[in-house]
Amino acid sequence: MAQLATKHLSCGYEKKNVLNNLTLEIPENKITSLIGPNGSGKTTLLKTLARMLSPKSGSVQLNGKDIHHLNTKYVAQKTRCF
């Protein structure tokens, strides 16, 4: 199981969706890089993974639990680093 995953994630700012229907698994104990051209949604994804932005739809899951519905203390305890 991936430690961090997204399922059908759509996110963005106000009325503009930047990422649509993204499903992603980031495996535990592996180095993962995020690359792409300017304006492709890298920062938006990272902000959503870090709970700085709420998803418009879909979910971000930490060990199978939606992080946007979890207590901040729980998320901090279960996360090594993003």
Protein backbone atom coordinates (compact mmCIF):
# COMPACT_ATOMS: atom_id res chain seq x y z
CA MET A 1 0.00 0.00 0.00
CA ALA A 2 1.19 3.50 -0.77
CA GLN A 3 1.74 5.70 2.25
CA LEU A 4 0.41 8.72 0.36
CA ALA A 5 -2.09 8.51 -2.49
CA THR A 6 -4.67 10.54 -4.36
CA LYS A 7 -7.90 9.13 -5.75
CA HIS A 8 -9.75 11.00 -8.48
CA LEU A 9 -8.33 14.27 -7.12
CA SER A 10 -9.40 17.56 -8.67
CA CYS A 11 -7.97 20.73 -7.16
CA GLY A 12 -7.22 24.33 -7.98
CA TYR A 13 -8.02 27.90 -7.03
CA GLU A 14 -11.48 29.47 -6.79
CA LYS A 15 -13.26 28.62 -10.04
CA LYS A 16 -10.20 27.29 -11.90
CA ASN A 17 -9.37 23.59 -11.72
CA VAL A 18 -5.64 22.98 -12.18
CA LEU A 19 -5.62 19.19 -11.75
CA ASN A 20 -8.53 16.99 -12.81
CA ASN A 21 -9.22 13.39 -11.79
CA LEU A 22 -5.63 12.61 -10.70
CA THR A 23 -4.97 9.18 -9.22
CA LEU A 24 -1.45 8.80 -7.84
CA GLU A 25 0.38 6.50 -5.43
CA ILE A 26 3.58 7.55 -3.69
CA PRO A 27 5.26 4.43 -2.28
CA GLU A 28 6.62 4.34 1.24
CA ASN A 29 10.41 4.50 1.70
CA LYS A 30 11.04 5.59 -1.89
CA ILE A 31 12.26 8.90 -3.28
CA THR A 32 9.65 10.40 -5.56
CA SER A 33 10.17 13.46 -7.75
CA LEU A 34 7.59 15.69 -9.35
CA ILE A 35 8.62 17.28 -12.63
CA GLY A 36 6.80 19.19 -15.33
CA PRO A 37 6.63 22.50 -17.17
CA ASN A 38 5.64 25.77 -15.54
CA GLY A 39 1.91 25.96 -14.93
CA SER A 40 1.34 22.21 -14.98
CA GLY A 41 0.07 21.95 -11.38
CA LYS A 42 3.13 20.80 -9.42
CA THR A 43 2.76 23.42 -6.69
CA THR A 44 -1.01 23.01 -6.57
CA LEU A 45 -0.58 19.28 -6.02
CA LEU A 46 2.02 19.80 -3.28
CA LYS A 47 -0.20 22.36 -1.53
CA THR A 48 -3.11 19.92 -1.64
CA LEU A 49 -0.96 17.06 -0.33
CA ALA A 50 0.20 19.36 2.51
CA ARG A 51 -3.44 20.34 3.33
CA MET A 52 -2.85 23.98 2.39
CA LEU A 53 -5.56 23.62 -0.29
CA SER A 54 -8.72 21.53 -0.05
CA PRO A 55 -9.60 19.26 -2.96
CA LYS A 56 -12.58 20.25 -5.10
CA SER A 57 -13.33 16.52 -5.47
CA GLY A 58 -11.61 13.23 -4.78
CA SER A 59 -9.29 12.61 -1.86
CA VAL A 60 -5.73 12.60 -0.58
CA GLN A 61 -5.09 9.53 1.53
CA LEU A 62 -2.44 8.78 4.12
CA ASN A 63 -2.31 5.06 4.89
CA GLY A 64 -5.80 4.70 3.40
CA LYS A 65 -7.41 7.57 5.37
CA ASP A 66 -8.50 10.89 3.87
CA ILE A 67 -6.09 13.49 5.30
CA HIS A 68 -8.55 16.34 4.88
CA HIS A 69 -10.85 14.65 7.42
CA LEU A 70 -8.12 13.77 9.93
CA ASN A 71 -6.82 15.64 12.95
CA THR A 72 -3.69 17.67 12.20
CA LYS A 73 -1.85 16.02 15.09
CA TYR A 74 -2.55 12.54 13.65
CA VAL A 75 -1.28 13.54 10.21
CA ALA A 76 1.89 15.05 11.72
CA GLN A 77 2.59 11.88 13.72
CA LYS A 78 2.10 9.56 10.74
CA THR A 79 4.17 11.56 8.25
CA ARG A 80 7.94 11.42 7.97
CA CYS A 81 8.19 14.14 5.35
CA PHE A 82 6.51 15.34 2.19
